[in-house]
């Protein structure tokens, strides 16, 4: 058996399968982390654009809807104008999982504020 005992046969194959599984798992977790970070960034941008539009007296809801790309769902929008400040809170739901298999929906909420234009 060329220096190997019977118990060592196939050990390299088992180690390779374990390594491939570990690499795939780490890659999948990295992709999901990037998805969460991108969703948070989009939610912040949507809230900021909506607050800016609200402070200028524009259609803030349409601005928020245009900012959020297809594939992400706007779950909740909440405007507030008081003390000369326009605030918009945006909640976006992003699916986590693999191609077509949604395992869980992640909700990300962000708020932004802008001063209201005095001449409006």
C-alpha atoms as a PDB file:
ATOM      1  CA  UNK A   1       0.000   0.000   0.000  1.00  0.00           C
ATOM      2  CA  UNK A   2       2.941   2.307  -0.582  1.00  0.00           C
ATOM      3  CA  UNK A   3       3.485   3.510   2.983  1.00  0.00           C
ATOM      4  CA  UNK A   4      -0.139   4.249   3.874  1.00  0.00           C
ATOM      5  CA  UNK A   5      -2.179   2.317   6.309  1.00  0.00           C
ATOM      6  CA  UNK A   6      -5.660   1.219   5.435  1.00  0.00           C
ATOM      7  CA  UNK A   7      -7.179   3.813   7.824  1.00  0.00           C
ATOM      8  CA  UNK A   8      -5.523   6.764   6.030  1.00  0.00           C
ATOM      9  CA  UNK A   9      -7.038   6.033   2.635  1.00  0.00           C
ATOM     10  CA  UNK A  10      -9.533   8.735   1.677  1.00  0.00           C
ATOM     11  CA  UNK A  11      -8.409  11.168   4.378  1.00  0.00           C
ATOM     12  CA  UNK A  12      -7.382  13.774   1.811  1.00  0.00           C
ATOM     13  CA  UNK A  13     -10.798  13.514   0.158  1.00  0.00           C
ATOM     14  CA  UNK A  14     -12.611  14.033   3.443  1.00  0.00           C
ATOM     15  CA  UNK A  15     -10.402  17.021   4.286  1.00  0.00           C
ATOM     16  CA  UNK A  16     -11.020  18.531   0.844  1.00  0.00           C
ATOM     17  CA  UNK A  17     -14.795  18.195   1.217  1.00  0.00           C
ATOM     18  CA  UNK A  18     -14.638  19.862   4.641  1.00  0.00           C
ATOM     19  CA  UNK A  19     -12.459  22.689   3.320  1.00  0.00           C
ATOM     20  CA  UNK A  20     -14.712  23.324   0.315  1.00  0.00           C
ATOM     21  CA  UNK A  21     -17.761  23.450   2.611  1.00  0.00           C
ATOM     22  CA  UNK A  22     -16.018  25.928   4.951  1.00  0.00           C
ATOM     23  CA  UNK A  23     -14.959  28.176   2.058  1.00  0.00           C
ATOM     24  CA  UNK A  24     -18.481  28.177   0.599  1.00  0.00           C
ATOM     25  CA  UNK A  25     -19.989  28.986   3.990  1.00  0.00           C
ATOM     26  CA  UNK A  26     -17.611  31.913   4.553  1.00  0.00           C
ATOM     27  CA  UNK A  27     -18.314  33.186   1.030  1.00  0.00           C
ATOM     28  CA  UNK A  28     -22.075  33.000   1.566  1.00  0.00           C
ATOM     29  CA  UNK A  29     -21.828  34.850   4.868  1.00  0.00           C
ATOM     30  CA  UNK A  30     -19.676  37.538   3.225  1.00  0.00           C
ATOM     31  CA  UNK A  31     -22.250  38.032   0.458  1.00  0.00           C
ATOM     32  CA  UNK A  32     -25.072  38.309   3.018  1.00  0.00           C
ATOM     33  CA  UNK A  33     -23.040  40.870   4.989  1.00  0.00           C
ATOM     34  CA  UNK A  34     -22.540  42.939   1.852  1.00  0.00           C
ATOM     35  CA  UNK A  35     -26.291  42.753   1.181  1.00  0.00           C
ATOM     36  CA  UNK A  36     -27.074  44.068   4.670  1.00  0.00           C
ATOM     37  CA  UNK A  37     -24.557  46.918   4.334  1.00  0.00           C
ATOM     38  CA  UNK A  38     -25.891  47.887   0.912  1.00  0.00           C
ATOM     39  CA  UNK A  39     -29.487  47.856   2.180  1.00  0.00           C
ATOM     40  CA  UNK A  40     -28.523  50.132   5.082  1.00  0.00           C
ATOM     41  CA  UNK A  41     -26.815  52.522   2.674  1.00  0.00           C
ATOM     42  CA  UNK A  42     -29.853  52.611   0.365  1.00  0.00           C
ATOM     43  CA  UNK A  43     -32.187  53.205   3.327  1.00  0.00           C
ATOM     44  CA  UNK A  44     -30.022  56.114   4.525  1.00  0.00           C
ATOM     45  CA  UNK A  45     -29.935  57.657   1.048  1.00  0.00           C
ATOM     46  CA  UNK A  46     -33.717  57.282   0.668  1.00  0.00           C
ATOM     47  CA  UNK A  47     -34.344  58.910   4.063  1.00  0.00           C
ATOM     48  CA  UNK A  48     -31.963  61.769   3.239  1.00  0.00           C
ATOM     49  CA  UNK A  49     -33.490  62.395  -0.191  1.00  0.00           C
ATOM     50  CA  UNK A  50     -37.003  62.240   1.285  1.00  0.00           C
ATOM     51  CA  UNK A  51     -36.143  64.682   4.093  1.00  0.00           C
ATOM     52  CA  UNK A  52     -34.579  67.084   1.595  1.00  0.00           C
ATOM     53  CA  UNK A  53     -37.688  66.931  -0.624  1.00  0.00           C
ATOM     54  CA  UNK A  54     -39.991  67.390   2.392  1.00  0.00           C
ATOM     55  CA  UNK A  55     -37.986  70.425   3.532  1.00  0.00           C
ATOM     56  CA  UNK A  56     -38.405  71.956   0.075  1.00  0.00           C
ATOM     57  CA  UNK A  57     -42.142  71.214  -0.062  1.00  0.00           C
ATOM     58  CA  UNK A  58     -41.808  68.591  -2.809  1.00  0.00           C
ATOM     59  CA  UNK A  59     -43.393  65.135  -3.117  1.00  0.00           C
ATOM     60  CA  UNK A  60     -41.117  63.407  -0.608  1.00  0.00           C
ATOM     61  CA  UNK A  61     -42.833  60.020  -0.899  1.00  0.00           C
ATOM     62  CA  UNK A  62     -42.230  59.796  -4.649  1.00  0.00           C
ATOM     63  CA  UNK A  63     -38.586  60.757  -4.102  1.00  0.00           C
ATOM     64  CA  UNK A  64     -38.135  57.960  -1.562  1.00  0.00           C
ATOM     65  CA  UNK A  65     -39.832  55.411  -3.838  1.00  0.00           C
ATOM     66  CA  UNK A  66     -37.559  56.401  -6.754  1.00  0.00           C
ATOM     67  CA  UNK A  67     -34.454  56.050  -4.574  1.00  0.00           C
ATOM     68  CA  UNK A  68     -35.180  52.455  -3.513  1.00  0.00           C
ATOM     69  CA  UNK A  69     -34.299  49.980  -6.302  1.00  0.00           C
ATOM     70  CA  UNK A  70     -36.403  47.018  -7.411  1.00  0.00           C
ATOM     71  CA  UNK A  71     -35.889  43.972  -5.215  1.00  0.00           C
ATOM     72  CA  UNK A  72     -36.132  45.941  -1.987  1.00  0.00           C
ATOM     73  CA  UNK A  73     -39.498  46.667  -0.406  1.00  0.00           C
ATOM     74  CA  UNK A  74     -40.374  49.919   1.357  1.00  0.00           C
ATOM     75  CA  UNK A  75     -42.192  48.727   4.480  1.00  0.00           C
ATOM     76  CA  UNK A  76     -42.878  52.021   6.246  1.00  0.00           C
ATOM     77  CA  UNK A  77     -42.481  55.754   5.622  1.00  0.00           C
ATOM     78  CA  UNK A  78     -43.013  58.374   8.284  1.00  0.00           C
ATOM     79  CA  UNK A  79     -42.670  62.148   7.701  1.00  0.00           C
ATOM     80  CA  UNK A  80     -42.466  64.728  10.479  1.00  0.00           C
ATOM     81  CA  UNK A  81     -42.086  68.498  10.324  1.00  0.00           C
ATOM     82  CA  UNK A  82     -41.614  70.446  13.560  1.00  0.00           C
ATOM     83  CA  UNK A  83     -39.396  73.206  14.934  1.00  0.00           C
ATOM     84  CA  UNK A  84     -38.158  74.092  11.459  1.00  0.00           C
ATOM     85  CA  UNK A  85     -36.872  70.571  10.765  1.00  0.00           C
ATOM     86  CA  UNK A  86     -38.192  68.040   8.256  1.00  0.00           C
ATOM     87  CA  UNK A  87     -37.585  64.419   9.219  1.00  0.00           C
ATOM     88  CA  UNK A  88     -38.280  61.256   7.231  1.00  0.00           C
ATOM     89  CA  UNK A  89     -38.012  57.739   8.622  1.00  0.00           C
ATOM     90  CA  UNK A  90     -37.686  54.932   6.072  1.00  0.00           C
ATOM     91  CA  UNK A  91     -37.932  51.194   6.738  1.00  0.00           C
ATOM     92  CA  UNK A  92     -36.770  48.885   3.961  1.00  0.00           C
ATOM     93  CA  UNK A  93     -37.066  45.102   3.838  1.00  0.00           C
ATOM     94  CA  UNK A  94     -34.367  43.114   2.061  1.00  0.00           C
ATOM     95  CA  UNK A  95     -34.542  39.367   1.452  1.00  0.00           C
ATOM     96  CA  UNK A  96     -31.615  37.273   2.664  1.00  0.00           C
ATOM     97  CA  UNK A  97     -30.997  33.877   1.136  1.00  0.00           C
ATOM     98  CA  UNK A  98     -29.888  32.302  -2.110  1.00  0.00           C
ATOM     99  CA  UNK A  99     -31.188  32.891  -5.627  1.00  0.00           C
ATOM    100  CA  UNK A 100     -34.944  32.737  -5.325  1.00  0.00           C
ATOM    101  CA  UNK A 101     -34.969  31.148  -1.852  1.00  0.00           C
ATOM    102  CA  UNK A 102     -35.723  33.838   0.707  1.00  0.00           C
ATOM    103  CA  UNK A 103     -34.726  32.558   4.116  1.00  0.00           C
ATOM    104  CA  UNK A 104     -35.528  35.693   6.091  1.00  0.00           C
ATOM    105  CA  UNK A 105     -36.453  39.318   5.419  1.00  0.00           C
ATOM    106  CA  UNK A 106     -34.228  41.865   7.101  1.00  0.00           C
ATOM    107  CA  UNK A 107     -35.774  45.235   8.015  1.00  0.00           C
ATOM    108  CA  UNK A 108     -33.468  48.251   8.065  1.00  0.00           C
ATOM    109  CA  UNK A 109     -34.699  51.606   9.406  1.00  0.00           C
ATOM    110  CA  UNK A 110     -32.964  54.937   8.868  1.00  0.00           C
ATOM    111  CA  UNK A 111     -33.962  58.528   9.673  1.00  0.00           C
ATOM    112  CA  UNK A 112     -32.714  61.793   8.205  1.00  0.00           C
ATOM    113  CA  UNK A 113     -33.459  65.454   8.934  1.00  0.00           C
ATOM    114  CA  UNK A 114     -33.134  68.707   6.976  1.00  0.00           C
ATOM    115  CA  UNK A 115     -33.929  72.282   7.964  1.00  0.00           C
ATOM    116  CA  UNK A 116     -37.155  73.574   6.409  1.00  0.00           C
ATOM    117  CA  UNK A 117     -36.721  76.332   3.855  1.00  0.00           C
ATOM    118  CA  UNK A 118     -37.897  79.609   5.408  1.00  0.00           C
ATOM    119  CA  UNK A 119     -39.506  80.998   2.211  1.00  0.00           C
ATOM    120  CA  UNK A 120     -41.745  78.045   1.481  1.00  0.00           C
END
